[in-house]
Amino acid sequence: MTLDEFKKKTEENSDFCPGWDVIDAAFYELYPGQEPNHYATNMLKRAMFGGDQYLDGYSVYTSPKGYMHIVTYGMTELYANEEAFGGEENGWGYEMTMKLKADSADDCMWAMDMMANLARYTFTTGNYFEPMHYVAGNGSSICREQPDSAVTSLLIISDTEIQTQNSVYGKTAFLQLVGITYHDAMALKENYTVNAPRLFDCIKADNPDFVTDLSSTASYL
């Protein structure tokens, strides 16, 4: 699409959301025919209106493999924006995903809150995430509703099923948040160069889709 074509489409279609469409298309390819549960954030609480919400929403898909697959909307440019046209990377360059062992989309609300906090961190500090980064946490469960969970930290990887997409704004990658134990997070802190690839390989052998299960007590390092 050329810039002139982009301008014309923007003028003719008030609902033109090329960044949003790229996310939807990537997930519809993985989950054909499935209508996700979508959770929009409160418009008046979004950062553009002076609030502290930096994401516009989340969609939750039900995987036939037995988990919920969450994706964010808002780390990338979603709507028609001529100034963003032709960029190398779309917005921060990625949206966040998470594969969660849960019975329903409503059981994923805590994970969406966590994603909102990570988005707020990036937008307010300028520190963004890349594959194989980790968030150690403070030793507490990543889910307040399950304080006894041994899953206290996050490993960040490229989503195992959704590939990087190209849009008129540049590349949109999908970074998957993976729950890990504090023990494994401390092993990463102690020797990241050696332990990061070890941890990735160990989880992949045991859990190839990198699904987060709050009931898991497995440490791999």
N, C-alpha and C. Protein backbone atom coordinates (compact mmCIF):
# COMPACT_ATOMS: atom_id res chain seq x y z
N MET A 1 0.84 -1.19 0.00
CA MET A 1 0.00 0.00 0.00
C MET A 1 0.87 1.24 0.00
N THR A 2 0.59 2.15 -0.91
CA THR A 2 1.33 3.41 -0.95
C THR A 2 0.73 4.40 0.04
N LEU A 3 1.45 5.48 0.28
CA LEU A 3 0.94 6.49 1.20
C LEU A 3 -0.34 7.10 0.67
N ASP A 4 -0.41 7.34 -0.63
CA ASP A 4 -1.62 7.91 -1.23
C ASP A 4 -2.81 6.95 -1.06
N GLU A 5 -2.56 5.66 -1.25
CA GLU A 5 -3.62 4.67 -1.06
C GLU A 5 -4.06 4.62 0.40
N PHE A 6 -3.08 4.77 1.30
CA PHE A 6 -3.38 4.79 2.74
C PHE A 6 -4.26 5.99 3.07
N LYS A 7 -3.91 7.16 2.55
CA LYS A 7 -4.69 8.37 2.81
C LYS A 7 -6.11 8.22 2.29
N LYS A 8 -6.22 7.65 1.08
CA LYS A 8 -7.54 7.50 0.48
C LYS A 8 -8.40 6.55 1.31
N LYS A 9 -7.82 5.45 1.74
CA LYS A 9 -8.58 4.49 2.53
C LYS A 9 -8.99 5.08 3.87
N THR A 10 -8.12 5.89 4.46
CA THR A 10 -8.42 6.54 5.72
C THR A 10 -9.60 7.50 5.56
N GLU A 11 -9.61 8.22 4.45
CA GLU A 11 -10.69 9.19 4.19
C GLU A 11 -12.02 8.49 3.92
N GLU A 12 -11.95 7.35 3.25
CA GLU A 12 -13.17 6.65 2.85
C GLU A 12 -13.74 5.74 3.93
N ASN A 13 -12.89 5.35 4.89
CA ASN A 13 -13.32 4.38 5.90
C ASN A 13 -12.93 4.86 7.29
N SER A 14 -13.90 5.35 8.03
CA SER A 14 -13.62 5.88 9.37
C SER A 14 -13.25 4.78 10.35
N ASP A 15 -13.54 3.53 10.00
CA ASP A 15 -13.22 2.40 10.88
C ASP A 15 -11.91 1.72 10.49
N PHE A 16 -11.14 2.34 9.64
CA PHE A 16 -9.88 1.75 9.18
C PHE A 16 -8.88 1.69 10.33
N CYS A 17 -8.52 0.46 10.73
CA CYS A 17 -7.60 0.24 11.85
C CYS A 17 -6.55 -0.79 11.42
N PRO A 18 -5.58 -0.38 10.61
CA PRO A 18 -4.65 -1.35 10.02
C PRO A 18 -3.82 -2.13 11.02
N GLY A 19 -3.42 -1.50 12.12
CA GLY A 19 -2.64 -2.21 13.12
C GLY A 19 -3.47 -3.25 13.85
N TRP A 20 -4.69 -2.90 14.16
CA TRP A 20 -5.62 -3.83 14.82
C TRP A 20 -5.91 -5.01 13.91
N ASP A 21 -6.12 -4.71 12.61
CA ASP A 21 -6.46 -5.75 11.65
C ASP A 21 -5.33 -6.78 11.51
N VAL A 22 -4.09 -6.33 11.62
CA VAL A 22 -2.94 -7.24 11.52
C VAL A 22 -2.96 -8.25 12.66
N ILE A 23 -3.27 -7.79 13.86
CA ILE A 23 -3.34 -8.68 15.03
C ILE A 23 -4.45 -9.70 14.83
N ASP A 24 -5.63 -9.20 14.47
CA ASP A 24 -6.77 -10.10 14.27
C ASP A 24 -6.48 -11.15 13.20
N ALA A 25 -5.87 -10.71 12.10
CA ALA A 25 -5.61 -11.63 11.00
C ALA A 25 -4.66 -12.75 11.41
N ALA A 26 -3.65 -12.40 12.21
CA ALA A 26 -2.68 -13.41 12.65
C ALA A 26 -3.35 -14.46 13.52
N PHE A 27 -4.25 -14.04 14.40
CA PHE A 27 -4.93 -14.99 15.29
C PHE A 27 -6.06 -15.74 14.59
N TYR A 28 -6.71 -15.10 13.64
CA TYR A 28 -7.75 -15.80 12.90
C TYR A 28 -7.16 -16.92 12.05
N GLU A 29 -5.92 -16.73 11.62
CA GLU A 29 -5.26 -17.79 10.86
C GLU A 29 -5.00 -19.00 11.75
N LEU A 30 -4.65 -18.74 13.01
CA LEU A 30 -4.40 -19.84 13.95
C LEU A 30 -5.69 -20.45 14.46
N TYR A 31 -6.72 -19.62 14.64
CA TYR A 31 -8.00 -20.07 15.18
C TYR A 31 -9.13 -19.74 14.20
N PRO A 32 -9.14 -20.37 13.01
CA PRO A 32 -10.13 -20.02 11.99
C PRO A 32 -11.56 -20.23 12.47
N GLY A 33 -12.38 -19.22 12.21
CA GLY A 33 -13.79 -19.31 12.55
C GLY A 33 -14.13 -19.04 13.99
N GLN A 34 -13.11 -18.82 14.83
CA GLN A 34 -13.39 -18.60 16.26
C GLN A 34 -13.55 -17.12 16.56
N GLU A 35 -14.61 -16.78 17.26
CA GLU A 35 -14.82 -15.41 17.71
C GLU A 35 -14.28 -15.31 19.14
N PRO A 36 -13.23 -14.52 19.35
CA PRO A 36 -12.61 -14.48 20.68
C PRO A 36 -13.46 -13.70 21.68
N ASN A 37 -13.20 -13.91 22.94
CA ASN A 37 -13.73 -13.02 23.97
C ASN A 37 -12.86 -11.79 23.98
N HIS A 38 -13.47 -10.62 23.80
CA HIS A 38 -12.68 -9.39 23.78
C HIS A 38 -13.04 -8.52 24.98
N TYR A 39 -11.99 -7.99 25.61
CA TYR A 39 -12.15 -7.13 26.79
C TYR A 39 -11.52 -5.78 26.48
N ALA A 40 -12.36 -4.77 26.36
CA ALA A 40 -11.87 -3.42 26.09
C ALA A 40 -11.61 -2.69 27.40
N THR A 41 -10.58 -1.88 27.42
CA THR A 41 -10.33 -1.06 28.60
C THR A 41 -11.26 0.15 28.59
N ASN A 42 -11.40 0.77 29.73
CA ASN A 42 -12.26 1.94 29.87
C ASN A 42 -11.67 3.10 29.07
N MET A 43 -12.42 3.57 28.09
CA MET A 43 -11.94 4.63 27.20
C MET A 43 -11.44 5.85 27.97
N LEU A 44 -12.19 6.27 28.99
CA LEU A 44 -11.84 7.49 29.72
C LEU A 44 -10.61 7.32 30.60
N LYS A 45 -10.21 6.05 30.85
CA LYS A 45 -9.04 5.80 31.69
C LYS A 45 -7.77 5.57 30.87
N ARG A 46 -7.89 5.67 29.55
CA ARG A 46 -6.72 5.44 28.71
C ARG A 46 -5.77 6.63 28.78
N ALA A 47 -4.51 6.34 28.55
CA ALA A 47 -3.46 7.36 28.71
C ALA A 47 -3.69 8.57 27.83
N MET A 48 -4.24 8.38 26.63
CA MET A 48 -4.46 9.50 25.72
C MET A 48 -5.43 10.53 26.30
N PHE A 49 -6.21 10.11 27.29
CA PHE A 49 -7.15 11.01 27.96
C PHE A 49 -6.70 11.35 29.38
N GLY A 50 -5.43 11.08 29.67
CA GLY A 50 -4.88 11.43 30.96
C GLY A 50 -4.93 10.33 32.01
N GLY A 51 -5.40 9.15 31.61
CA GLY A 51 -5.48 8.04 32.55
C GLY A 51 -4.21 7.22 32.60
N ASP A 52 -4.30 6.05 33.22
CA ASP A 52 -3.11 5.22 33.38
C ASP A 52 -3.24 3.88 32.66
N GLN A 53 -4.18 3.79 31.71
CA GLN A 53 -4.35 2.58 30.91
C GLN A 53 -3.67 2.78 29.55
N TYR A 54 -2.67 1.96 29.27
CA TYR A 54 -1.92 2.12 28.03
C TYR A 54 -2.29 1.08 26.98
N LEU A 55 -3.20 0.20 27.30
CA LEU A 55 -3.69 -0.78 26.34
C LEU A 55 -5.16 -0.51 26.04
N ASP A 56 -5.55 -0.81 24.81
CA ASP A 56 -6.95 -0.60 24.42
C ASP A 56 -7.81 -1.82 24.69
N GLY A 57 -7.16 -2.97 24.85
CA GLY A 57 -7.95 -4.16 25.12
C GLY A 57 -7.16 -5.44 24.97
N TYR A 58 -7.89 -6.54 25.08
CA TYR A 58 -7.32 -7.89 25.03
C TYR A 58 -8.32 -8.81 24.34
N SER A 59 -7.81 -9.76 23.59
CA SER A 59 -8.65 -10.83 23.08
C SER A 59 -8.15 -12.15 23.64
N VAL A 60 -9.09 -13.04 23.93
CA VAL A 60 -8.76 -14.34 24.49
C VAL A 60 -9.37 -15.42 23.61
N TYR A 61 -8.50 -16.27 23.07
CA TYR A 61 -8.91 -17.38 22.22
C TYR A 61 -8.80 -18.69 23.00
N THR A 62 -9.66 -19.63 22.65
CA THR A 62 -9.61 -20.95 23.26
C THR A 62 -8.87 -21.89 22.33
N SER A 63 -7.70 -22.36 22.77
CA SER A 63 -6.91 -23.26 21.94
C SER A 63 -7.48 -24.68 22.02
N PRO A 64 -7.52 -25.38 20.90
CA PRO A 64 -7.94 -26.78 20.94
C PRO A 64 -6.97 -27.65 21.72
N LYS A 65 -5.80 -27.09 22.06
CA LYS A 65 -4.82 -27.82 22.85
C LYS A 65 -5.11 -27.74 24.35
N GLY A 66 -6.12 -26.94 24.72
CA GLY A 66 -6.53 -26.94 26.12
C GLY A 66 -6.09 -25.76 26.95
N TYR A 67 -5.82 -24.63 26.33
CA TYR A 67 -5.45 -23.44 27.10
C TYR A 67 -6.07 -22.20 26.48
N MET A 68 -6.06 -21.11 27.24
CA MET A 68 -6.50 -19.81 26.76
C MET A 68 -5.29 -19.05 26.19
N HIS A 69 -5.48 -18.39 25.08
CA HIS A 69 -4.40 -17.67 24.39
C HIS A 69 -4.78 -16.20 24.35
N ILE A 70 -4.07 -15.39 25.11
CA ILE A 70 -4.39 -13.97 25.28
C ILE A 70 -3.48 -13.12 24.40
N VAL A 71 -4.01 -12.06 23.82
CA VAL A 71 -3.18 -11.09 23.09
C VAL A 71 -3.63 -9.68 23.45
N THR A 72 -2.67 -8.77 23.56
CA THR A 72 -2.95 -7.38 23.88
C THR A 72 -3.15 -6.56 22.61
N TYR A 73 -3.79 -5.40 22.79
CA TYR A 73 -3.92 -4.40 21.73
C TYR A 73 -3.47 -3.06 22.31
N GLY A 74 -2.39 -2.50 21.78
CA GLY A 74 -1.98 -1.18 22.24
C GLY A 74 -0.50 -0.94 22.34
N MET A 75 0.31 -2.00 22.33
CA MET A 75 1.76 -1.81 22.29
C MET A 75 2.20 -1.34 20.91
N THR A 76 1.36 -1.60 19.91
CA THR A 76 1.61 -1.15 18.55
C THR A 76 0.57 -0.10 18.16
N GLU A 77 0.81 0.58 17.07
CA GLU A 77 -0.15 1.54 16.53
C GLU A 77 -1.32 0.77 15.96
N LEU A 78 -2.53 1.06 16.43
CA LEU A 78 -3.71 0.30 16.02
C LEU A 78 -4.54 0.99 14.95
N TYR A 79 -4.62 2.32 15.04
CA TYR A 79 -5.58 3.07 14.24
C TYR A 79 -4.89 3.79 13.08
N ALA A 80 -5.67 4.44 12.25
CA ALA A 80 -5.12 5.17 11.11
C ALA A 80 -4.28 6.34 11.59
N ASN A 81 -3.01 6.33 11.23
CA ASN A 81 -2.08 7.36 11.67
C ASN A 81 -1.03 7.57 10.58
N GLU A 82 -1.20 8.63 9.83
CA GLU A 82 -0.31 8.90 8.71
C GLU A 82 1.14 9.03 9.14
N GLU A 83 1.38 9.58 10.32
CA GLU A 83 2.75 9.79 10.79
C GLU A 83 3.48 8.46 11.05
N ALA A 84 2.73 7.41 11.33
CA ALA A 84 3.34 6.11 11.61
C ALA A 84 3.56 5.29 10.34
N PHE A 85 3.04 5.74 9.23
CA PHE A 85 3.10 4.98 7.98
C PHE A 85 4.56 4.77 7.55
N GLY A 86 4.86 3.53 7.13
CA GLY A 86 6.17 3.23 6.56
C GLY A 86 7.28 3.03 7.56
N GLY A 87 6.96 2.86 8.83
CA GLY A 87 7.99 2.66 9.84
C GLY A 87 8.62 1.28 9.75
N GLU A 88 9.75 1.12 10.43
CA GLU A 88 10.42 -0.19 10.46
C GLU A 88 9.74 -1.12 11.45
N GLU A 89 9.37 -0.57 12.60
CA GLU A 89 8.65 -1.35 13.61
C GLU A 89 7.40 -0.60 14.00
N ASN A 90 6.35 -1.33 14.25
CA ASN A 90 5.07 -0.75 14.60
C ASN A 90 5.03 -0.44 16.10
N GLY A 91 4.99 0.84 16.44
CA GLY A 91 4.97 1.21 17.86
C GLY A 91 6.19 0.70 18.58
N TRP A 92 5.95 -0.02 19.67
CA TRP A 92 7.05 -0.65 20.40
C TRP A 92 7.56 -1.91 19.69
N GLY A 93 6.89 -2.29 18.63
CA GLY A 93 7.35 -3.41 17.82
C GLY A 93 6.73 -4.75 18.18
N TYR A 94 5.86 -4.76 19.20
CA TYR A 94 5.29 -6.04 19.62
C TYR A 94 3.99 -5.86 20.39
N GLU A 95 3.21 -6.91 20.40
CA GLU A 95 2.10 -7.07 21.34
C GLU A 95 2.46 -8.24 22.25
N MET A 96 1.89 -8.25 23.43
CA MET A 96 2.14 -9.33 24.40
C MET A 96 1.10 -10.42 24.26
N THR A 97 1.52 -11.65 24.46
CA THR A 97 0.61 -12.79 24.49
C THR A 97 0.90 -13.62 25.73
N MET A 98 -0.03 -14.50 26.04
CA MET A 98 0.18 -15.44 27.13
C MET A 98 -0.73 -16.63 26.91
N LYS A 99 -0.20 -17.81 27.15
CA LYS A 99 -0.99 -19.04 27.07
C LYS A 99 -1.20 -19.53 28.50
N LEU A 100 -2.45 -19.58 28.88
CA LEU A 100 -2.77 -19.81 30.28
C LEU A 100 -3.67 -21.01 30.45
N LYS A 101 -3.29 -21.91 31.34
CA LYS A 101 -4.16 -23.03 31.69
C LYS A 101 -5.29 -22.49 32.54
N ALA A 102 -6.47 -22.41 31.95
CA ALA A 102 -7.63 -21.83 32.63
C ALA A 102 -8.89 -22.42 32.00
N ASP A 103 -9.98 -22.38 32.75
CA ASP A 103 -11.23 -22.96 32.28
C ASP A 103 -12.01 -22.04 31.36
N SER A 104 -11.81 -20.73 31.50
CA SER A 104 -12.57 -19.78 30.69
C SER A 104 -11.78 -18.49 30.53
N ALA A 105 -12.23 -17.67 29.60
CA ALA A 105 -11.58 -16.39 29.37
C ALA A 105 -11.67 -15.50 30.60
N ASP A 106 -12.77 -15.58 31.32
CA ASP A 106 -12.94 -14.74 32.51
C ASP A 106 -11.91 -15.09 33.59
N ASP A 107 -11.38 -16.30 33.56
CA ASP A 107 -10.36 -16.69 34.53
C ASP A 107 -8.99 -16.08 34.21
N CYS A 108 -8.91 -15.35 33.10
CA CYS A 108 -7.65 -14.75 32.67
C CYS A 108 -7.52 -13.28 33.03
N MET A 109 -8.48 -12.74 33.77
CA MET A 109 -8.49 -11.30 34.06
C MET A 109 -7.22 -10.87 34.80
N TRP A 110 -6.74 -11.70 35.72
CA TRP A 110 -5.53 -11.35 36.46
C TRP A 110 -4.33 -11.19 35.52
N ALA A 111 -4.27 -12.04 34.49
CA ALA A 111 -3.17 -11.96 33.53
C ALA A 111 -3.26 -10.68 32.71
N MET A 112 -4.48 -10.26 32.39
CA MET A 112 -4.65 -9.00 31.66
C MET A 112 -4.20 -7.82 32.53
N ASP A 113 -4.50 -7.87 33.82
CA ASP A 113 -4.04 -6.82 34.72
C ASP A 113 -2.51 -6.78 34.76
N MET A 114 -1.89 -7.95 34.76
CA MET A 114 -0.43 -8.01 34.75
C MET A 114 0.13 -7.43 33.46
N MET A 115 -0.49 -7.74 32.34
CA MET A 115 -0.06 -7.19 31.07
C MET A 115 -0.21 -5.67 31.06
N ALA A 116 -1.29 -5.17 31.67
CA ALA A 116 -1.49 -3.72 31.76
C ALA A 116 -0.36 -3.07 32.54
N ASN A 117 0.09 -3.72 33.61
CA ASN A 117 1.19 -3.18 34.40
C ASN A 117 2.49 -3.17 33.60
N LEU A 118 2.72 -4.21 32.81
CA LEU A 118 3.93 -4.26 31.99
C LEU A 118 3.88 -3.20 30.89
N ALA A 119 2.69 -2.99 30.33
CA ALA A 119 2.54 -1.94 29.32
C ALA A 119 2.81 -0.56 29.93
N ARG A 120 2.27 -0.33 31.11
CA ARG A 120 2.48 0.94 31.80
C ARG A 120 3.97 1.17 32.07
N TYR A 121 4.66 0.11 32.47
CA TYR A 121 6.10 0.19 32.72
C TYR A 121 6.84 0.62 31.46
N THR A 122 6.51 0.01 30.34
CA THR A 122 7.21 0.34 29.09
C THR A 122 6.91 1.76 28.64
N PHE A 123 5.65 2.14 28.65
CA PHE A 123 5.29 3.47 28.17
C PHE A 123 5.83 4.58 29.06
N THR A 124 5.95 4.34 30.34
CA THR A 124 6.40 5.39 31.25
C THR A 124 7.91 5.45 31.44
N THR A 125 8.60 4.33 31.18
CA THR A 125 10.06 4.31 31.36
C THR A 125 10.82 4.23 30.04
N GLY A 126 10.15 3.79 28.99
CA GLY A 126 10.83 3.60 27.72
C GLY A 126 11.58 2.29 27.63
N ASN A 127 11.50 1.47 28.66
CA ASN A 127 12.17 0.16 28.66
C ASN A 127 11.22 -0.90 28.11
N TYR A 128 11.57 -1.44 26.96
CA TYR A 128 10.71 -2.41 26.32
C TYR A 128 11.30 -3.81 26.45
N PHE A 129 10.52 -4.80 26.06
CA PHE A 129 10.93 -6.19 26.22
C PHE A 129 11.35 -6.80 24.89
N GLU A 130 12.21 -7.80 24.99
CA GLU A 130 12.66 -8.57 23.84
C GLU A 130 12.67 -10.05 24.21
N PRO A 131 12.70 -10.93 23.21
CA PRO A 131 12.77 -12.36 23.52
C PRO A 131 13.95 -12.70 24.42
N MET A 132 13.69 -13.54 25.41
CA MET A 132 14.65 -14.02 26.39
C MET A 132 14.95 -13.01 27.49
N HIS A 133 14.21 -11.92 27.55
CA HIS A 133 14.24 -11.09 28.76
C HIS A 133 13.46 -11.83 29.85
N TYR A 134 13.65 -11.40 31.08
CA TYR A 134 12.87 -12.00 32.16
C TYR A 134 12.51 -10.94 33.19
N VAL A 135 11.45 -11.20 33.92
CA VAL A 135 10.99 -10.33 35.01
C VAL A 135 11.04 -11.16 36.27
N ALA A 136 11.96 -10.85 37.16
CA ALA A 136 12.18 -11.70 38.34
C ALA A 136 11.06 -11.60 39.36
N GLY A 137 10.48 -10.43 39.52
CA GLY A 137 9.47 -10.26 40.56
C GLY A 137 10.11 -10.21 41.95
N ASN A 138 9.29 -10.31 42.97
CA ASN A 138 9.78 -10.21 44.35
C ASN A 138 9.61 -11.50 45.15
N GLY A 139 9.34 -12.58 44.44
CA GLY A 139 9.14 -13.86 45.11
C GLY A 139 7.69 -14.19 45.40
N SER A 140 6.79 -13.24 45.14
CA SER A 140 5.35 -13.49 45.34
C SER A 140 4.74 -14.03 44.06
N SER A 141 3.62 -14.70 44.20
CA SER A 141 2.90 -15.24 43.05
C SER A 141 2.57 -14.13 42.07
N ILE A 142 2.61 -14.44 40.77
CA ILE A 142 2.24 -13.45 39.77
C ILE A 142 0.73 -13.21 39.75
N CYS A 143 -0.01 -14.05 40.48
CA CYS A 143 -1.47 -13.92 40.54
C CYS A 143 -1.90 -13.70 41.99
N ARG A 144 -2.45 -12.55 42.27
CA ARG A 144 -2.88 -12.25 43.64
C ARG A 144 -3.98 -13.20 44.11
N GLU A 145 -4.76 -13.70 43.17
CA GLU A 145 -5.86 -14.59 43.52
C GLU A 145 -5.37 -15.98 43.92
N GLN A 146 -4.13 -16.29 43.58
CA GLN A 146 -3.54 -17.57 43.98
C GLN A 146 -2.18 -17.30 44.62
N PRO A 147 -2.18 -16.75 45.83
CA PRO A 147 -0.94 -16.32 46.48
C PRO A 147 0.02 -17.46 46.79
N ASP A 148 -0.47 -18.68 46.81
CA ASP A 148 0.40 -19.82 47.12
C ASP A 148 1.09 -20.41 45.88
N SER A 149 0.82 -19.84 44.72
CA SER A 149 1.42 -20.37 43.50
C SER A 149 2.94 -20.18 43.52
N ALA A 150 3.65 -21.19 43.04
CA ALA A 150 5.12 -21.12 42.95
C ALA A 150 5.57 -20.35 41.71
N VAL A 151 4.62 -19.97 40.87
CA VAL A 151 4.94 -19.20 39.66
C VAL A 151 5.02 -17.72 40.05
N THR A 152 6.23 -17.21 40.11
CA THR A 152 6.46 -15.87 40.66
C THR A 152 7.10 -14.91 39.68
N SER A 153 7.57 -15.40 38.54
CA SER A 153 8.39 -14.61 37.63
C SER A 153 7.97 -14.90 36.20
N LEU A 154 8.57 -14.17 35.26
CA LEU A 154 8.22 -14.32 33.86
C LEU A 154 9.46 -14.47 32.99
N LEU A 155 9.39 -15.38 32.05
CA LEU A 155 10.35 -15.45 30.96
C LEU A 155 9.61 -14.96 29.72
N ILE A 156 10.28 -14.20 28.88
CA ILE A 156 9.64 -13.64 27.70
C ILE A 156 10.27 -14.26 26.46
N ILE A 157 9.42 -14.85 25.61
CA ILE A 157 9.90 -15.52 24.40
C ILE A 157 9.06 -15.04 23.21
N SER A 158 9.48 -15.38 22.01
CA SER A 158 8.64 -15.18 20.85
C SER A 158 7.49 -16.18 20.92
N ASP A 159 6.28 -15.72 20.65
CA ASP A 159 5.14 -16.62 20.71
C ASP A 159 5.42 -17.84 19.83
N THR A 160 5.13 -19.01 20.36
CA THR A 160 5.49 -20.25 19.68
C THR A 160 4.60 -20.55 18.47
N GLU A 161 3.48 -19.81 18.33
CA GLU A 161 2.56 -20.10 17.24
C GLU A 161 2.25 -18.91 16.34
N ILE A 162 2.39 -17.71 16.84
CA ILE A 162 2.06 -16.51 16.06
C ILE A 162 3.36 -15.86 15.58
N GLN A 163 3.53 -15.80 14.29
CA GLN A 163 4.75 -15.24 13.71
C GLN A 163 4.67 -13.71 13.63
N THR A 164 5.83 -13.08 13.51
CA THR A 164 5.90 -11.64 13.31
C THR A 164 5.17 -11.27 12.02
N GLN A 165 4.36 -10.22 12.09
CA GLN A 165 3.57 -9.76 10.95
C GLN A 165 4.09 -8.43 10.44
N ASN A 166 3.88 -8.20 9.15
CA ASN A 166 4.23 -6.91 8.55
C ASN A 166 2.97 -6.10 8.34
N SER A 167 3.06 -4.81 8.64
CA SER A 167 1.92 -3.92 8.45
C SER A 167 2.40 -2.63 7.78
N VAL A 168 1.48 -1.74 7.49
CA VAL A 168 1.85 -0.45 6.89
C VAL A 168 2.68 0.38 7.87
N TYR A 169 2.68 0.00 9.14
CA TYR A 169 3.44 0.72 10.16
C TYR A 169 4.76 0.03 10.50
N GLY A 170 5.02 -1.12 9.90
CA GLY A 170 6.24 -1.86 10.19
C GLY A 170 5.93 -3.19 10.85
N LYS A 171 6.94 -3.80 11.42
CA LYS A 171 6.81 -5.14 11.98
C LYS A 171 6.05 -5.15 13.30
N THR A 172 5.20 -6.16 13.44
CA THR A 172 4.50 -6.42 14.70
C THR A 172 4.88 -7.83 15.15
N ALA A 173 5.67 -7.92 16.20
CA ALA A 173 6.03 -9.22 16.77
C ALA A 173 5.06 -9.54 17.90
N PHE A 174 5.09 -10.79 18.35
CA PHE A 174 4.23 -11.22 19.45
C PHE A 174 5.11 -11.89 20.50
N LEU A 175 5.22 -11.24 21.65
CA LEU A 175 6.07 -11.73 22.73
C LEU A 175 5.22 -12.43 23.78
N GLN A 176 5.54 -13.68 24.02
CA GLN A 176 4.77 -14.52 24.94
C GLN A 176 5.36 -14.47 26.34
N LEU A 177 4.52 -14.19 27.31
CA LEU A 177 4.91 -14.19 28.72
C LEU A 177 4.74 -15.61 29.26
N VAL A 178 5.79 -16.11 29.89
CA VAL A 178 5.78 -17.49 30.39
C VAL A 178 6.07 -17.47 31.88
N GLY A 179 5.18 -18.01 32.68
CA GLY A 179 5.39 -18.05 34.12
C GLY A 179 6.48 -19.04 34.51
N ILE A 180 7.41 -18.60 35.36
CA ILE A 180 8.47 -19.47 35.86
C ILE A 180 8.60 -19.27 37.37
N THR A 181 9.34 -20.15 38.02
CA THR A 181 9.52 -20.05 39.47
C THR A 181 10.60 -19.03 39.80
N TYR A 182 10.58 -18.59 41.04
CA TYR A 182 11.60 -17.64 41.51
C TYR A 182 12.98 -18.27 41.47
N HIS A 183 13.04 -19.57 41.74
CA HIS A 183 14.32 -20.29 41.68
C HIS A 183 14.93 -20.16 40.29
N ASP A 184 14.13 -20.37 39.26
CA ASP A 184 14.65 -20.28 37.90
C ASP A 184 15.01 -18.84 37.54
N ALA A 185 14.23 -17.89 38.03
CA ALA A 185 14.55 -16.48 37.78
C ALA A 185 15.88 -16.10 38.41
N MET A 186 16.15 -16.61 39.61
CA MET A 186 17.41 -16.31 40.27
C MET A 186 18.58 -16.98 39.56
N ALA A 187 18.33 -18.14 38.96
CA ALA A 187 19.37 -18.79 38.17
C ALA A 187 19.70 -17.95 36.95
N LEU A 188 18.70 -17.33 36.35
CA LEU A 188 18.95 -16.43 35.23
C LEU A 188 19.76 -15.21 35.68
N LYS A 189 19.41 -14.69 36.84
CA LYS A 189 20.13 -13.54 37.36
C LYS A 189 21.59 -13.88 37.66
N GLU A 190 21.82 -15.09 38.14
CA GLU A 190 23.17 -15.51 38.51
C GLU A 190 24.07 -15.69 37.29
N ASN A 191 23.53 -16.31 36.25
CA ASN A 191 24.34 -16.55 35.05
C ASN A 191 23.41 -16.61 33.85
N TYR A 192 23.05 -15.44 33.36
CA TYR A 192 22.06 -15.35 32.29
C TYR A 192 22.54 -16.02 31.00
N THR A 193 23.77 -15.78 30.63
CA THR A 193 24.29 -16.29 29.35
C THR A 193 24.18 -17.80 29.25
N VAL A 194 24.51 -18.48 30.33
CA VAL A 194 24.47 -19.94 30.33
C VAL A 194 23.06 -20.46 30.59
N ASN A 195 22.38 -19.85 31.55
CA ASN A 195 21.12 -20.43 32.02
C ASN A 195 19.89 -20.08 31.18
N ALA A 196 19.92 -18.95 30.48
CA ALA A 196 18.75 -18.59 29.66
C ALA A 196 18.46 -19.64 28.58
N PRO A 197 19.43 -20.00 27.76
CA PRO A 197 19.13 -21.04 26.75
C PRO A 197 18.83 -22.40 27.38
N ARG A 198 19.45 -22.71 28.53
CA ARG A 198 19.16 -23.96 29.22
C ARG A 198 17.71 -23.99 29.67
N LEU A 199 17.27 -22.90 30.27
CA LEU A 199 15.90 -22.84 30.76
C LEU A 199 14.91 -22.97 29.61
N PHE A 200 15.17 -22.26 28.52
CA PHE A 200 14.29 -22.33 27.36
C PHE A 200 14.16 -23.76 26.87
N ASP A 201 15.28 -24.42 26.71
CA ASP A 201 15.27 -25.79 26.19
C ASP A 201 14.58 -26.76 27.13
N CYS A 202 14.79 -26.58 28.44
CA CYS A 202 14.16 -27.48 29.42
C CYS A 202 12.65 -27.30 29.44
N ILE A 203 12.18 -26.06 29.40
CA ILE A 203 10.73 -25.84 29.38
C ILE A 203 10.14 -26.39 28.09
N LYS A 204 10.81 -26.13 26.97
CA LYS A 204 10.29 -26.58 25.67
C LYS A 204 10.13 -28.10 25.64
N ALA A 205 11.08 -28.83 26.23
CA ALA A 205 11.01 -30.29 26.23
C ALA A 205 9.83 -30.79 27.05
N ASP A 206 9.50 -30.05 28.11
CA ASP A 206 8.43 -30.46 29.02
C ASP A 206 7.08 -29.85 28.65
N ASN A 207 7.13 -28.67 28.05
CA ASN A 207 5.94 -27.86 27.82
C ASN A 207 6.13 -27.09 26.51
N PRO A 208 6.01 -27.75 25.36
CA PRO A 208 6.40 -27.16 24.08
C PRO A 208 5.65 -25.89 23.69
N ASP A 209 4.45 -25.71 24.23
CA ASP A 209 3.69 -24.49 23.93
C ASP A 209 3.94 -23.39 24.96
N PHE A 210 4.75 -23.69 25.98
CA PHE A 210 5.09 -22.71 27.02
C PHE A 210 3.83 -22.15 27.68
N VAL A 211 2.96 -23.07 28.07
CA VAL A 211 1.71 -22.69 28.74
C VAL A 211 1.99 -22.40 30.21
N THR A 212 1.46 -21.31 30.72
CA THR A 212 1.61 -20.98 32.13
C THR A 212 0.52 -21.67 32.93
N ASP A 213 0.94 -22.44 33.92
CA ASP A 213 0.03 -23.17 34.80
C ASP A 213 0.35 -22.77 36.23
N LEU A 214 -0.54 -22.04 36.85
CA LEU A 214 -0.29 -21.52 38.19
C LEU A 214 -0.15 -22.62 39.24
N SER A 215 -0.61 -23.82 38.92
CA SER A 215 -0.50 -24.92 39.87
C SER A 215 0.85 -25.64 39.76
N SER A 216 1.64 -25.28 38.78
CA SER A 216 2.93 -25.95 38.58
C SER A 216 3.93 -25.54 39.65
N THR A 217 4.73 -26.50 40.07
CA THR A 217 5.81 -26.23 41.02
C THR A 217 7.16 -26.53 40.39
N ALA A 218 7.19 -26.77 39.08
CA ALA A 218 8.40 -27.21 38.41
C ALA A 218 9.44 -26.10 38.28
N SER A 219 10.65 -26.40 38.75
CA SER A 219 11.82 -25.56 38.48
C SER A 219 12.74 -26.40 37.61
N TYR A 220 13.41 -25.75 36.66
CA TYR A 220 14.16 -26.50 35.65
C TYR A 220 15.67 -26.35 35.79
N LEU A 221 16.12 -25.42 36.58
CA LEU A 221 17.56 -25.18 36.68
C LEU A 221 18.07 -25.48 38.10
